[in-house]
């Protein structure tokens, strides 16, 4: 079962760590709001299937790192529809 994990808390928040701990190999991670800060943290090991909301990156003056795919709102909807379940952290 493919799960989309949507997290909006910064990497320093405990909820961000709990999200990563609950992550399975086939799951996907979508970073929104302050969670997009993780896209620029080189020391943070993010899952293979990691996305960041482009509008939130731009609002914070950030770009996605090499391991994070930047997506727009249409991409967010597509991920949500394609997932078997969605968990918001």
PDB file of N, CA and C in Angstrom:
ATOM      1  N   UNK A   1       0.840  -1.167   0.000  1.00  0.00           N
ATOM      2  CA  UNK A   1       0.000   0.000   0.000  1.00  0.00           C
ATOM      3  C   UNK A   1       0.895   1.242   0.000  1.00  0.00           C
ATOM      4  N   UNK A   2       0.714   2.089  -0.998  1.00  0.00           N
ATOM      5  CA  UNK A   2       1.516   3.304  -1.101  1.00  0.00           C
ATOM      6  C   UNK A   2       0.859   4.423  -0.297  1.00  0.00           C
ATOM      7  N   UNK A   3       1.634   5.010   0.604  1.00  0.00           N
ATOM      8  CA  UNK A   3       1.146   6.093   1.453  1.00  0.00           C
ATOM      9  C   UNK A   3       1.862   7.383   1.089  1.00  0.00           C
ATOM     10  N   UNK A   4       1.094   8.456   1.011  1.00  0.00           N
ATOM     11  CA  UNK A   4       1.660   9.788   0.844  1.00  0.00           C
ATOM     12  C   UNK A   4       1.682  10.453   2.209  1.00  0.00           C
ATOM     13  N   UNK A   5       2.859  10.805   2.670  1.00  0.00           N
ATOM     14  CA  UNK A   5       3.021  11.512   3.937  1.00  0.00           C
ATOM     15  C   UNK A   5       3.192  12.996   3.613  1.00  0.00           C
ATOM     16  N   UNK A   6       2.298  13.825   4.120  1.00  0.00           N
ATOM     17  CA  UNK A   6       2.393  15.271   3.927  1.00  0.00           C
ATOM     18  C   UNK A   6       2.788  15.884   5.258  1.00  0.00           C
ATOM     19  N   UNK A   7       3.942  16.525   5.278  1.00  0.00           N
ATOM     20  CA  UNK A   7       4.428  17.117   6.528  1.00  0.00           C
ATOM     21  C   UNK A   7       4.626  18.618   6.323  1.00  0.00           C
ATOM     22  N   UNK A   8       4.192  19.395   7.324  1.00  0.00           N
ATOM     23  CA  UNK A   8       4.320  20.851   7.224  1.00  0.00           C
ATOM     24  C   UNK A   8       5.168  21.446   8.347  1.00  0.00           C
ATOM     25  N   UNK A   9       5.742  20.613   9.165  1.00  0.00           N
ATOM     26  CA  UNK A   9       6.571  21.074  10.286  1.00  0.00           C
ATOM     27  C   UNK A   9       8.043  21.094   9.885  1.00  0.00           C
ATOM     28  N   UNK A  10       8.792  22.026  10.438  1.00  0.00           N
ATOM     29  CA  UNK A  10      10.216  22.126  10.115  1.00  0.00           C
ATOM     30  C   UNK A  10      10.960  20.885  10.625  1.00  0.00           C
ATOM     31  N   UNK A  11      12.136  20.609  10.069  1.00  0.00           N
ATOM     32  CA  UNK A  11      12.895  19.419  10.469  1.00  0.00           C
ATOM     33  C   UNK A  11      13.238  19.366  11.957  1.00  0.00           C
ATOM     34  N   UNK A  12      13.239  20.502  12.628  1.00  0.00           N
ATOM     35  CA  UNK A  12      13.559  20.530  14.058  1.00  0.00           C
ATOM     36  C   UNK A  12      12.406  20.036  14.931  1.00  0.00           C
ATOM     37  N   UNK A  13      11.217  19.978  14.377  1.00  0.00           N
ATOM     38  CA  UNK A  13      10.039  19.558  15.134  1.00  0.00           C
ATOM     39  C   UNK A  13       9.989  18.030  15.250  1.00  0.00           C
ATOM     40  N   UNK A  14       9.534  17.546  16.384  1.00  0.00           N
ATOM     41  CA  UNK A  14       9.453  16.096  16.628  1.00  0.00           C
ATOM     42  C   UNK A  14       8.550  15.401  15.617  1.00  0.00           C
ATOM     43  N   UNK A  15       7.506  16.079  15.190  1.00  0.00           N
ATOM     44  CA  UNK A  15       6.567  15.473  14.239  1.00  0.00           C
ATOM     45  C   UNK A  15       7.255  15.126  12.921  1.00  0.00           C
ATOM     46  N   UNK A  16       8.217  15.923  12.501  1.00  0.00           N
ATOM     47  CA  UNK A  16       8.963  15.642  11.275  1.00  0.00           C
ATOM     48  C   UNK A  16       9.713  14.318  11.418  1.00  0.00           C
ATOM     49  N   UNK A  17      10.371  14.128  12.534  1.00  0.00           N
ATOM     50  CA  UNK A  17      11.093  12.880  12.794  1.00  0.00           C
ATOM     51  C   UNK A  17      10.177  11.675  12.877  1.00  0.00           C
ATOM     52  N   UNK A  18       9.011  11.852  13.487  1.00  0.00           N
ATOM     53  CA  UNK A  18       8.044  10.749  13.574  1.00  0.00           C
ATOM     54  C   UNK A  18       7.546  10.364  12.186  1.00  0.00           C
ATOM     55  N   UNK A  19       7.376  11.347  11.333  1.00  0.00           N
ATOM     56  CA  UNK A  19       6.960  11.074   9.957  1.00  0.00           C
ATOM     57  C   UNK A  19       8.004  10.215   9.254  1.00  0.00           C
ATOM     58  N   UNK A  20       9.261  10.598   9.344  1.00  0.00           N
ATOM     59  CA  UNK A  20      10.321   9.822   8.693  1.00  0.00           C
ATOM     60  C   UNK A  20      10.431   8.415   9.268  1.00  0.00           C
ATOM     61  N   UNK A  21      10.195   8.266  10.558  1.00  0.00           N
ATOM     62  CA  UNK A  21      10.263   6.953  11.201  1.00  0.00           C
ATOM     63  C   UNK A  21       9.144   6.032  10.723  1.00  0.00           C
ATOM     64  N   UNK A  22       8.018   6.596  10.325  1.00  0.00           N
ATOM     65  CA  UNK A  22       6.870   5.804   9.879  1.00  0.00           C
ATOM     66  C   UNK A  22       6.921   5.501   8.386  1.00  0.00           C
ATOM     67  N   UNK A  23       7.944   5.947   7.723  1.00  0.00           N
ATOM     68  CA  UNK A  23       8.051   5.866   6.270  1.00  0.00           C
ATOM     69  C   UNK A  23       8.433   4.466   5.819  1.00  0.00           C
ATOM     70  N   UNK A  24       7.677   3.916   4.856  1.00  0.00           N
ATOM     71  CA  UNK A  24       8.005   2.633   4.237  1.00  0.00           C
ATOM     72  C   UNK A  24       8.663   2.875   2.878  1.00  0.00           C
ATOM     73  N   UNK A  25       9.288   1.860   2.348  1.00  0.00           N
ATOM     74  CA  UNK A  25      10.070   1.976   1.115  1.00  0.00           C
ATOM     75  C   UNK A  25       9.281   2.535  -0.071  1.00  0.00           C
ATOM     76  N   UNK A  26       8.028   2.149  -0.238  1.00  0.00           N
ATOM     77  CA  UNK A  26       7.230   2.590  -1.383  1.00  0.00           C
ATOM     78  C   UNK A  26       6.458   3.878  -1.122  1.00  0.00           C
ATOM     79  N   UNK A  27       6.575   4.431   0.063  1.00  0.00           N
ATOM     80  CA  UNK A  27       5.841   5.649   0.411  1.00  0.00           C
ATOM     81  C   UNK A  27       6.450   6.868  -0.279  1.00  0.00           C
ATOM     82  N   UNK A  28       5.684   7.941  -0.255  1.00  0.00           N
ATOM     83  CA  UNK A  28       6.140   9.216  -0.796  1.00  0.00           C
ATOM     84  C   UNK A  28       6.028  10.276   0.286  1.00  0.00           C
ATOM     85  N   UNK A  29       6.907  11.267   0.227  1.00  0.00           N
ATOM     86  CA  UNK A  29       6.925  12.354   1.200  1.00  0.00           C
ATOM     87  C   UNK A  29       6.725  13.667   0.467  1.00  0.00           C
ATOM     88  N   UNK A  30       5.765  14.456   0.938  1.00  0.00           N
ATOM     89  CA  UNK A  30       5.537  15.786   0.389  1.00  0.00           C
ATOM     90  C   UNK A  30       5.806  16.814   1.473  1.00  0.00           C
ATOM     91  N   UNK A  31       6.768  17.685   1.218  1.00  0.00           N
ATOM     92  CA  UNK A  31       7.126  18.751   2.147  1.00  0.00           C
ATOM     93  C   UNK A  31       6.328  20.003   1.792  1.00  0.00           C
ATOM     94  N   UNK A  32       5.621  20.560   2.777  1.00  0.00           N
ATOM     95  CA  UNK A  32       4.862  21.788   2.576  1.00  0.00           C
ATOM     96  C   UNK A  32       5.184  22.763   3.702  1.00  0.00           C
ATOM     97  N   UNK A  33       4.775  24.002   3.530  1.00  0.00           N
ATOM     98  CA  UNK A  33       4.967  25.045   4.533  1.00  0.00           C
ATOM     99  C   UNK A  33       6.411  25.021   5.047  1.00  0.00           C
ATOM    100  N   UNK A  34       6.623  25.023   6.365  1.00  0.00           N
ATOM    101  CA  UNK A  34       7.987  25.075   6.917  1.00  0.00           C
ATOM    102  C   UNK A  34       8.789  23.794   6.716  1.00  0.00           C
ATOM    103  N   UNK A  35       8.145  22.711   6.348  1.00  0.00           N
ATOM    104  CA  UNK A  35       8.877  21.463   6.108  1.00  0.00           C
ATOM    105  C   UNK A  35       9.796  21.563   4.897  1.00  0.00           C
ATOM    106  N   UNK A  36       9.515  22.505   3.977  1.00  0.00           N
ATOM    107  CA  UNK A  36      10.380  22.634   2.796  1.00  0.00           C
ATOM    108  C   UNK A  36      11.803  23.042   3.167  1.00  0.00           C
ATOM    109  N   UNK A  37      11.997  23.530   4.371  1.00  0.00           N
ATOM    110  CA  UNK A  37      13.348  23.856   4.841  1.00  0.00           C
ATOM    111  C   UNK A  37      14.245  22.623   4.740  1.00  0.00           C
ATOM    112  N   UNK A  38      13.668  21.444   4.918  1.00  0.00           N
ATOM    113  CA  UNK A  38      14.429  20.190   4.852  1.00  0.00           C
ATOM    114  C   UNK A  38      15.066  19.976   3.486  1.00  0.00           C
ATOM    115  N   UNK A  39      14.486  20.550   2.442  1.00  0.00           N
ATOM    116  CA  UNK A  39      15.033  20.382   1.092  1.00  0.00           C
ATOM    117  C   UNK A  39      16.439  20.958   0.971  1.00  0.00           C
ATOM    118  N   UNK A  40      16.783  21.909   1.825  1.00  0.00           N
ATOM    119  CA  UNK A  40      18.096  22.530   1.759  1.00  0.00           C
ATOM    120  C   UNK A  40      19.061  22.092   2.838  1.00  0.00           C
ATOM    121  N   UNK A  41      18.665  21.119   3.650  1.00  0.00           N
ATOM    122  CA  UNK A  41      19.525  20.645   4.738  1.00  0.00           C
ATOM    123  C   UNK A  41      20.302  19.424   4.250  1.00  0.00           C
ATOM    124  N   UNK A  42      21.571  19.632   3.947  1.00  0.00           N
ATOM    125  CA  UNK A  42      22.394  18.561   3.370  1.00  0.00           C
ATOM    126  C   UNK A  42      22.572  17.384   4.317  1.00  0.00           C
ATOM    127  N   UNK A  43      22.594  17.635   5.607  1.00  0.00           N
ATOM    128  CA  UNK A  43      22.839  16.563   6.574  1.00  0.00           C
ATOM    129  C   UNK A  43      21.603  15.708   6.847  1.00  0.00           C
ATOM    130  N   UNK A  44      20.461  16.120   6.327  1.00  0.00           N
ATOM    131  CA  UNK A  44      19.217  15.391   6.560  1.00  0.00           C
ATOM    132  C   UNK A  44      19.019  14.344   5.471  1.00  0.00           C
ATOM    133  N   UNK A  45      18.844  13.103   5.878  1.00  0.00           N
ATOM    134  CA  UNK A  45      18.643  12.013   4.927  1.00  0.00           C
ATOM    135  C   UNK A  45      17.155  11.876   4.629  1.00  0.00           C
ATOM    136  N   UNK A  46      16.757  12.316   3.437  1.00  0.00           N
ATOM    137  CA  UNK A  46      15.349  12.266   3.043  1.00  0.00           C
ATOM    138  C   UNK A  46      15.079  11.013   2.217  1.00  0.00           C
ATOM    139  N   UNK A  47      13.838  10.537   2.229  1.00  0.00           N
ATOM    140  CA  UNK A  47      13.482   9.345   1.449  1.00  0.00           C
ATOM    141  C   UNK A  47      13.677   9.564  -0.056  1.00  0.00           C
ATOM    142  N   UNK A  48      13.738   8.474  -0.780  1.00  0.00           N
ATOM    143  CA  UNK A  48      13.921   8.522  -2.231  1.00  0.00           C
ATOM    144  C   UNK A  48      12.795   9.264  -2.929  1.00  0.00           C
ATOM    145  N   UNK A  49      11.563   9.018  -2.527  1.00  0.00           N
ATOM    146  CA  UNK A  49      10.396   9.632  -3.162  1.00  0.00           C
ATOM    147  C   UNK A  49       9.993  10.872  -2.371  1.00  0.00           C
ATOM    148  N   UNK A  50      10.742  11.954  -2.554  1.00  0.00           N
ATOM    149  CA  UNK A  50      10.519  13.170  -1.769  1.00  0.00           C
ATOM    150  C   UNK A  50      10.198  14.341  -2.693  1.00  0.00           C
ATOM    151  N   UNK A  51       9.144  15.068  -2.355  1.00  0.00           N
ATOM    152  CA  UNK A  51       8.675  16.201  -3.138  1.00  0.00           C
ATOM    153  C   UNK A  51       8.528  17.413  -2.225  1.00  0.00           C
ATOM    154  N   UNK A  52       8.646  18.600  -2.798  1.00  0.00           N
ATOM    155  CA  UNK A  52       8.440  19.840  -2.046  1.00  0.00           C
ATOM    156  C   UNK A  52       7.533  20.749  -2.863  1.00  0.00           C
ATOM    157  N   UNK A  53       6.609  21.389  -2.193  1.00  0.00           N
ATOM    158  CA  UNK A  53       5.675  22.289  -2.860  1.00  0.00           C
ATOM    159  C   UNK A  53       6.425  23.549  -3.298  1.00  0.00           C
ATOM    160  N   UNK A  54       6.417  23.781  -4.598  1.00  0.00           N
ATOM    161  CA  UNK A  54       7.178  24.876  -5.199  1.00  0.00           C
ATOM    162  C   UNK A  54       6.816  26.244  -4.616  1.00  0.00           C
ATOM    163  N   UNK A  55       5.548  26.501  -4.392  1.00  0.00           N
ATOM    164  CA  UNK A  55       5.113  27.793  -3.846  1.00  0.00           C
ATOM    165  C   UNK A  55       5.708  28.036  -2.463  1.00  0.00           C
ATOM    166  N   UNK A  56       5.806  26.987  -1.653  1.00  0.00           N
ATOM    167  CA  UNK A  56       6.374  27.128  -0.310  1.00  0.00           C
ATOM    168  C   UNK A  56       7.890  27.319  -0.363  1.00  0.00           C
ATOM    169  N   UNK A  57       8.545  26.661  -1.313  1.00  0.00           N
ATOM    170  CA  UNK A  57       9.981  26.883  -1.504  1.00  0.00           C
ATOM    171  C   UNK A  57      10.243  28.344  -1.875  1.00  0.00           C
ATOM    172  N   UNK A  58       9.484  28.836  -2.852  1.00  0.00           N
ATOM    173  CA  UNK A  58       9.662  30.216  -3.310  1.00  0.00           C
ATOM    174  C   UNK A  58       9.369  31.214  -2.200  1.00  0.00           C
ATOM    175  N   UNK A  59       8.331  30.956  -1.416  1.00  0.00           N
ATOM    176  CA  UNK A  59       7.960  31.869  -0.330  1.00  0.00           C
ATOM    177  C   UNK A  59       9.076  32.004   0.699  1.00  0.00           C
ATOM    178  N   UNK A  60       9.924  30.990   0.793  1.00  0.00           N
ATOM    179  CA  UNK A  60      11.015  31.002   1.769  1.00  0.00           C
ATOM    180  C   UNK A  60      12.374  31.259   1.118  1.00  0.00           C
ATOM    181  N   UNK A  61      12.360  31.565  -0.171  1.00  0.00           N
ATOM    182  CA  UNK A  61      13.607  31.852  -0.881  1.00  0.00           C
ATOM    183  C   UNK A  61      14.505  30.647  -1.043  1.00  0.00           C
ATOM    184  N   UNK A  62      13.907  29.456  -1.146  1.00  0.00           N
ATOM    185  CA  UNK A  62      14.664  28.208  -1.231  1.00  0.00           C
ATOM    186  C   UNK A  62      14.493  27.551  -2.590  1.00  0.00           C
ATOM    187  N   UNK A  63      15.384  26.631  -2.895  1.00  0.00           N
ATOM    188  CA  UNK A  63      15.239  25.760  -4.055  1.00  0.00           C
ATOM    189  C   UNK A  63      15.318  24.326  -3.559  1.00  0.00           C
ATOM    190  N   UNK A  64      14.778  23.415  -4.345  1.00  0.00           N
ATOM    191  CA  UNK A  64      14.827  22.012  -3.930  1.00  0.00           C
ATOM    192  C   UNK A  64      16.232  21.468  -4.150  1.00  0.00           C
ATOM    193  N   UNK A  65      16.656  20.588  -3.266  1.00  0.00           N
ATOM    194  CA  UNK A  65      17.957  19.952  -3.400  1.00  0.00           C
ATOM    195  C   UNK A  65      17.912  18.868  -4.465  1.00  0.00           C
ATOM    196  N   UNK A  66      19.028  18.218  -4.673  1.00  0.00           N
ATOM    197  CA  UNK A  66      19.131  17.184  -5.706  1.00  0.00           C
ATOM    198  C   UNK A  66      18.202  16.006  -5.445  1.00  0.00           C
ATOM    199  N   UNK A  67      17.926  15.708  -4.182  1.00  0.00           N
ATOM    200  CA  UNK A  67      17.104  14.540  -3.854  1.00  0.00           C
ATOM    201  C   UNK A  67      15.623  14.878  -3.686  1.00  0.00           C
ATOM    202  N   UNK A  68      15.254  16.142  -3.909  1.00  0.00           N
ATOM    203  CA  UNK A  68      13.870  16.579  -3.711  1.00  0.00           C
ATOM    204  C   UNK A  68      13.333  17.138  -5.021  1.00  0.00           C
ATOM    205  N   UNK A  69      12.149  16.666  -5.422  1.00  0.00           N
ATOM    206  CA  UNK A  69      11.507  17.134  -6.646  1.00  0.00           C
ATOM    207  C   UNK A  69      10.527  18.246  -6.291  1.00  0.00           C
ATOM    208  N   UNK A  70      10.670  19.380  -6.948  1.00  0.00           N
ATOM    209  CA  UNK A  70       9.763  20.505  -6.738  1.00  0.00           C
ATOM    210  C   UNK A  70       8.498  20.293  -7.576  1.00  0.00           C
ATOM    211  N   UNK A  71       7.321  20.434  -6.939  1.00  0.00           N
ATOM    212  CA  UNK A  71       6.058  20.249  -7.658  1.00  0.00           C
ATOM    213  C   UNK A  71       5.125  21.426  -7.381  1.00  0.00           C
ATOM    214  N   UNK A  72       4.172  21.632  -8.293  1.00  0.00           N
ATOM    215  CA  UNK A  72       3.174  22.675  -8.108  1.00  0.00           C
ATOM    216  C   UNK A  72       1.920  22.074  -7.477  1.00  0.00           C
ATOM    217  N   UNK A  73       0.868  22.882  -7.355  1.00  0.00           N
ATOM    218  CA  UNK A  73      -0.358  22.395  -6.720  1.00  0.00           C
ATOM    219  C   UNK A  73      -1.006  21.259  -7.511  1.00  0.00           C
ATOM    220  N   UNK A  74      -0.921  21.310  -8.844  1.00  0.00           N
ATOM    221  CA  UNK A  74      -1.463  20.209  -9.647  1.00  0.00           C
ATOM    222  C   UNK A  74      -0.722  18.907  -9.354  1.00  0.00           C
ATOM    223  N   UNK A  75       0.585  19.002  -9.170  1.00  0.00           N
ATOM    224  CA  UNK A  75       1.372  17.830  -8.806  1.00  0.00           C
ATOM    225  C   UNK A  75       0.991  17.288  -7.444  1.00  0.00           C
ATOM    226  N   UNK A  76       0.680  18.193  -6.525  1.00  0.00           N
ATOM    227  CA  UNK A  76       0.241  17.778  -5.186  1.00  0.00           C
ATOM    228  C   UNK A  76      -1.074  17.008  -5.266  1.00  0.00           C
ATOM    229  N   UNK A  77      -1.994  17.513  -6.068  1.00  0.00           N
ATOM    230  CA  UNK A  77      -3.277  16.821  -6.245  1.00  0.00           C
ATOM    231  C   UNK A  77      -3.049  15.448  -6.866  1.00  0.00           C
ATOM    232  N   UNK A  78      -2.169  15.369  -7.857  1.00  0.00           N
ATOM    233  CA  UNK A  78      -1.879  14.089  -8.508  1.00  0.00           C
ATOM    234  C   UNK A  78      -1.317  13.077  -7.511  1.00  0.00           C
ATOM    235  N   UNK A  79      -0.363  13.497  -6.681  1.00  0.00           N
ATOM    236  CA  UNK A  79       0.190  12.595  -5.665  1.00  0.00           C
ATOM    237  C   UNK A  79      -0.902  12.101  -4.717  1.00  0.00           C
ATOM    238  N   UNK A  80      -1.774  13.005  -4.319  1.00  0.00           N
ATOM    239  CA  UNK A  80      -2.851  12.662  -3.390  1.00  0.00           C
ATOM    240  C   UNK A  80      -3.807  11.644  -3.998  1.00  0.00           C
ATOM    241  N   UNK A  81      -4.174  11.853  -5.247  1.00  0.00           N
ATOM    242  CA  UNK A  81      -5.112  10.948  -5.926  1.00  0.00           C
ATOM    243  C   UNK A  81      -4.486   9.577  -6.156  1.00  0.00           C
ATOM    244  N   UNK A  82      -3.208   9.532  -6.470  1.00  0.00           N
ATOM    245  CA  UNK A  82      -2.537   8.266  -6.775  1.00  0.00           C
ATOM    246  C   UNK A  82      -2.195   7.440  -5.536  1.00  0.00           C
ATOM    247  N   UNK A  83      -2.168   8.060  -4.376  1.00  0.00           N
ATOM    248  CA  UNK A  83      -1.815   7.341  -3.144  1.00  0.00           C
ATOM    249  C   UNK A  83      -2.983   6.489  -2.659  1.00  0.00           C
ATOM    250  N   UNK A  84      -2.648   5.353  -2.051  1.00  0.00           N
ATOM    251  CA  UNK A  84      -3.677   4.508  -1.445  1.00  0.00           C
ATOM    252  C   UNK A  84      -4.209   5.139  -0.167  1.00  0.00           C
ATOM    253  N   UNK A  85      -3.331   5.850   0.519  1.00  0.00           N
ATOM    254  CA  UNK A  85      -3.747   6.580   1.719  1.00  0.00           C
ATOM    255  C   UNK A  85      -2.835   7.780   1.905  1.00  0.00           C
ATOM    256  N   UNK A  86      -3.368   8.782   2.610  1.00  0.00           N
ATOM    257  CA  UNK A  86      -2.640  10.026   2.852  1.00  0.00           C
ATOM    258  C   UNK A  86      -2.620  10.284   4.352  1.00  0.00           C
ATOM    259  N   UNK A  87      -1.432  10.588   4.872  1.00  0.00           N
ATOM    260  CA  UNK A  87      -1.289  10.946   6.285  1.00  0.00           C
ATOM    261  C   UNK A  87      -0.703  12.351   6.345  1.00  0.00           C
ATOM    262  N   UNK A  88      -1.390  13.244   7.034  1.00  0.00           N
ATOM    263  CA  UNK A  88      -0.894  14.608   7.238  1.00  0.00           C
ATOM    264  C   UNK A  88      -0.298  14.697   8.632  1.00  0.00           C
ATOM    265  N   UNK A  89       0.932  15.152   8.702  1.00  0.00           N
ATOM    266  CA  UNK A  89       1.641  15.231   9.976  1.00  0.00           C
ATOM    267  C   UNK A  89       1.591  16.633  10.498  1.00  0.00           C
TER     268      UNK A  89
END
